[in-house]
């Protein structure tokens, strides 16, 4: 995987995505290769390497989007998870959160 899938593929338009919610600085979309039956990615539109480097105002906007999308998933499916990764667990070195529901896809 590239070091920044979001800047190199999603925001460049090389990889089309199905948008769930978009604000001025944040995009939520259905994962292009979902690991769960419901798998939505929330990502800032400008490059931020990880949650350790994000500015507070942008983090608030990201969490506003997460809150709205997670509430929709919870309402539709009865449960939701929100997660992010750091370090070696982070495949793409661009801050992003996963909102998912259901058992992992086989």
C-alpha atoms as a PDB file:
ATOM      1  CA  UNK A   1       0.000   0.000   0.000  1.00  0.00           C
ATOM      2  CA  UNK A   2       1.118   3.554  -0.626  1.00  0.00           C
ATOM      3  CA  UNK A   3       2.341   5.645   2.267  1.00  0.00           C
ATOM      4  CA  UNK A   4      -0.659   8.005   1.854  1.00  0.00           C
ATOM      5  CA  UNK A   5      -3.562   6.357   0.049  1.00  0.00           C
ATOM      6  CA  UNK A   6      -5.865   9.287   0.799  1.00  0.00           C
ATOM      7  CA  UNK A   7      -3.768  12.077  -0.749  1.00  0.00           C
ATOM      8  CA  UNK A   8      -2.408   9.915  -3.581  1.00  0.00           C
ATOM      9  CA  UNK A   9      -5.620   8.087  -4.532  1.00  0.00           C
ATOM     10  CA  UNK A  10      -8.822   9.438  -2.964  1.00  0.00           C
ATOM     11  CA  UNK A  11      -8.288  13.210  -3.012  1.00  0.00           C
ATOM     12  CA  UNK A  12      -6.514  13.085  -6.382  1.00  0.00           C
ATOM     13  CA  UNK A  13      -9.572  11.348  -7.865  1.00  0.00           C
ATOM     14  CA  UNK A  14      -7.629   8.245  -8.988  1.00  0.00           C
ATOM     15  CA  UNK A  15      -9.771   6.035  -6.758  1.00  0.00           C
ATOM     16  CA  UNK A  16     -13.475   6.942  -6.793  1.00  0.00           C
ATOM     17  CA  UNK A  17     -15.331   6.672  -3.488  1.00  0.00           C
ATOM     18  CA  UNK A  18     -18.960   6.599  -2.370  1.00  0.00           C
ATOM     19  CA  UNK A  19     -19.361   9.594  -0.067  1.00  0.00           C
ATOM     20  CA  UNK A  20     -21.350   9.308   3.159  1.00  0.00           C
ATOM     21  CA  UNK A  21     -20.790  12.820   4.544  1.00  0.00           C
ATOM     22  CA  UNK A  22     -18.528  15.712   3.628  1.00  0.00           C
ATOM     23  CA  UNK A  23     -17.615  18.976   5.335  1.00  0.00           C
ATOM     24  CA  UNK A  24     -15.155  21.674   4.362  1.00  0.00           C
ATOM     25  CA  UNK A  25     -12.238  19.750   5.895  1.00  0.00           C
ATOM     26  CA  UNK A  26     -13.409  16.146   6.368  1.00  0.00           C
ATOM     27  CA  UNK A  27     -14.672  13.336   4.143  1.00  0.00           C
ATOM     28  CA  UNK A  28     -16.524  10.177   5.210  1.00  0.00           C
ATOM     29  CA  UNK A  29     -16.930   7.461   2.583  1.00  0.00           C
ATOM     30  CA  UNK A  30     -17.543   3.740   2.210  1.00  0.00           C
ATOM     31  CA  UNK A  31     -14.237   1.841   2.375  1.00  0.00           C
ATOM     32  CA  UNK A  32     -13.028   0.725  -1.053  1.00  0.00           C
ATOM     33  CA  UNK A  33     -12.134  -2.743   0.298  1.00  0.00           C
ATOM     34  CA  UNK A  34     -14.355  -3.223   3.359  1.00  0.00           C
ATOM     35  CA  UNK A  35     -13.272  -5.477   6.223  1.00  0.00           C
ATOM     36  CA  UNK A  36     -16.774  -5.450   7.803  1.00  0.00           C
ATOM     37  CA  UNK A  37     -20.294  -5.461   6.313  1.00  0.00           C
ATOM     38  CA  UNK A  38     -20.493  -1.745   7.201  1.00  0.00           C
ATOM     39  CA  UNK A  39     -17.120  -0.014   6.861  1.00  0.00           C
ATOM     40  CA  UNK A  40     -16.852   3.757   6.567  1.00  0.00           C
ATOM     41  CA  UNK A  41     -13.640   5.799   6.609  1.00  0.00           C
ATOM     42  CA  UNK A  42     -13.466   9.329   8.043  1.00  0.00           C
ATOM     43  CA  UNK A  43     -10.426  11.299   6.901  1.00  0.00           C
ATOM     44  CA  UNK A  44      -9.276  14.932   6.980  1.00  0.00           C
ATOM     45  CA  UNK A  45      -8.889  16.429   3.500  1.00  0.00           C
ATOM     46  CA  UNK A  46      -5.483  17.903   4.266  1.00  0.00           C
ATOM     47  CA  UNK A  47      -2.559  15.706   5.179  1.00  0.00           C
ATOM     48  CA  UNK A  48      -2.179  14.950   8.874  1.00  0.00           C
ATOM     49  CA  UNK A  49       0.071  11.983   9.647  1.00  0.00           C
ATOM     50  CA  UNK A  50      -1.695  10.680  12.761  1.00  0.00           C
ATOM     51  CA  UNK A  51      -3.893  11.515  15.726  1.00  0.00           C
ATOM     52  CA  UNK A  52      -0.712  12.570  17.551  1.00  0.00           C
ATOM     53  CA  UNK A  53      -0.239  15.479  15.124  1.00  0.00           C
ATOM     54  CA  UNK A  54      -3.772  16.768  14.502  1.00  0.00           C
ATOM     55  CA  UNK A  55      -4.730  20.297  15.569  1.00  0.00           C
ATOM     56  CA  UNK A  56      -7.572  20.576  18.062  1.00  0.00           C
ATOM     57  CA  UNK A  57      -9.957  22.495  15.774  1.00  0.00           C
ATOM     58  CA  UNK A  58      -9.628  19.910  13.015  1.00  0.00           C
ATOM     59  CA  UNK A  59      -9.978  17.053  15.516  1.00  0.00           C
ATOM     60  CA  UNK A  60     -13.264  18.571  16.696  1.00  0.00           C
ATOM     61  CA  UNK A  61     -14.540  18.705  13.110  1.00  0.00           C
ATOM     62  CA  UNK A  62     -13.418  15.112  12.503  1.00  0.00           C
ATOM     63  CA  UNK A  63     -15.224  13.943  15.636  1.00  0.00           C
ATOM     64  CA  UNK A  64     -18.368  15.855  14.676  1.00  0.00           C
ATOM     65  CA  UNK A  65     -18.402  13.832  11.435  1.00  0.00           C
ATOM     66  CA  UNK A  66     -17.603  10.600  13.305  1.00  0.00           C
ATOM     67  CA  UNK A  67     -20.429  11.282  15.752  1.00  0.00           C
ATOM     68  CA  UNK A  68     -22.981  11.854  12.977  1.00  0.00           C
ATOM     69  CA  UNK A  69     -21.910   8.854  10.885  1.00  0.00           C
ATOM     70  CA  UNK A  70     -21.601   6.525  13.901  1.00  0.00           C
ATOM     71  CA  UNK A  71     -25.086   7.570  15.042  1.00  0.00           C
ATOM     72  CA  UNK A  72     -26.481   6.631  11.615  1.00  0.00           C
ATOM     73  CA  UNK A  73     -24.699   3.265  11.681  1.00  0.00           C
ATOM     74  CA  UNK A  74     -25.880   2.617  15.242  1.00  0.00           C
ATOM     75  CA  UNK A  75     -29.472   3.507  14.330  1.00  0.00           C
ATOM     76  CA  UNK A  76     -29.456   1.286  11.229  1.00  0.00           C
ATOM     77  CA  UNK A  77     -27.488  -1.690  12.627  1.00  0.00           C
ATOM     78  CA  UNK A  78     -27.791  -1.515  16.422  1.00  0.00           C
ATOM     79  CA  UNK A  79     -24.026  -1.323  17.027  1.00  0.00           C
ATOM     80  CA  UNK A  80     -20.922   0.479  15.772  1.00  0.00           C
ATOM     81  CA  UNK A  81     -17.171   0.619  16.358  1.00  0.00           C
ATOM     82  CA  UNK A  82     -14.854   3.605  15.904  1.00  0.00           C
ATOM     83  CA  UNK A  83     -11.123   3.007  15.635  1.00  0.00           C
ATOM     84  CA  UNK A  84      -7.857   4.439  14.381  1.00  0.00           C
ATOM     85  CA  UNK A  85      -4.318   3.090  14.209  1.00  0.00           C
ATOM     86  CA  UNK A  86      -0.845   4.407  15.027  1.00  0.00           C
ATOM     87  CA  UNK A  87       2.679   3.412  14.091  1.00  0.00           C
ATOM     88  CA  UNK A  88       3.127   0.043  12.430  1.00  0.00           C
ATOM     89  CA  UNK A  89      -0.629  -0.593  12.648  1.00  0.00           C
ATOM     90  CA  UNK A  90      -1.254   2.413  10.378  1.00  0.00           C
ATOM     91  CA  UNK A  91      -1.062   1.211   6.750  1.00  0.00           C
ATOM     92  CA  UNK A  92      -1.649   4.661   5.272  1.00  0.00           C
ATOM     93  CA  UNK A  93       0.299   7.413   7.004  1.00  0.00           C
ATOM     94  CA  UNK A  94      -2.653   9.836   6.888  1.00  0.00           C
ATOM     95  CA  UNK A  95      -4.942  10.189   9.893  1.00  0.00           C
ATOM     96  CA  UNK A  96      -8.176   8.279   9.382  1.00  0.00           C
ATOM     97  CA  UNK A  97     -10.837   6.621  11.470  1.00  0.00           C
ATOM     98  CA  UNK A  98     -12.874   3.520  10.696  1.00  0.00           C
ATOM     99  CA  UNK A  99     -16.544   3.280  11.616  1.00  0.00           C
ATOM    100  CA  UNK A 100     -17.779  -0.267  11.249  1.00  0.00           C
ATOM    101  CA  UNK A 101     -20.484  -2.689  12.225  1.00  0.00           C
ATOM    102  CA  UNK A 102     -20.890  -6.440  11.991  1.00  0.00           C
ATOM    103  CA  UNK A 103     -18.488  -9.360  12.094  1.00  0.00           C
ATOM    104  CA  UNK A 104     -15.289  -9.119  10.025  1.00  0.00           C
ATOM    105  CA  UNK A 105     -15.665 -10.226   6.421  1.00  0.00           C
ATOM    106  CA  UNK A 106     -14.220 -13.675   5.777  1.00  0.00           C
END
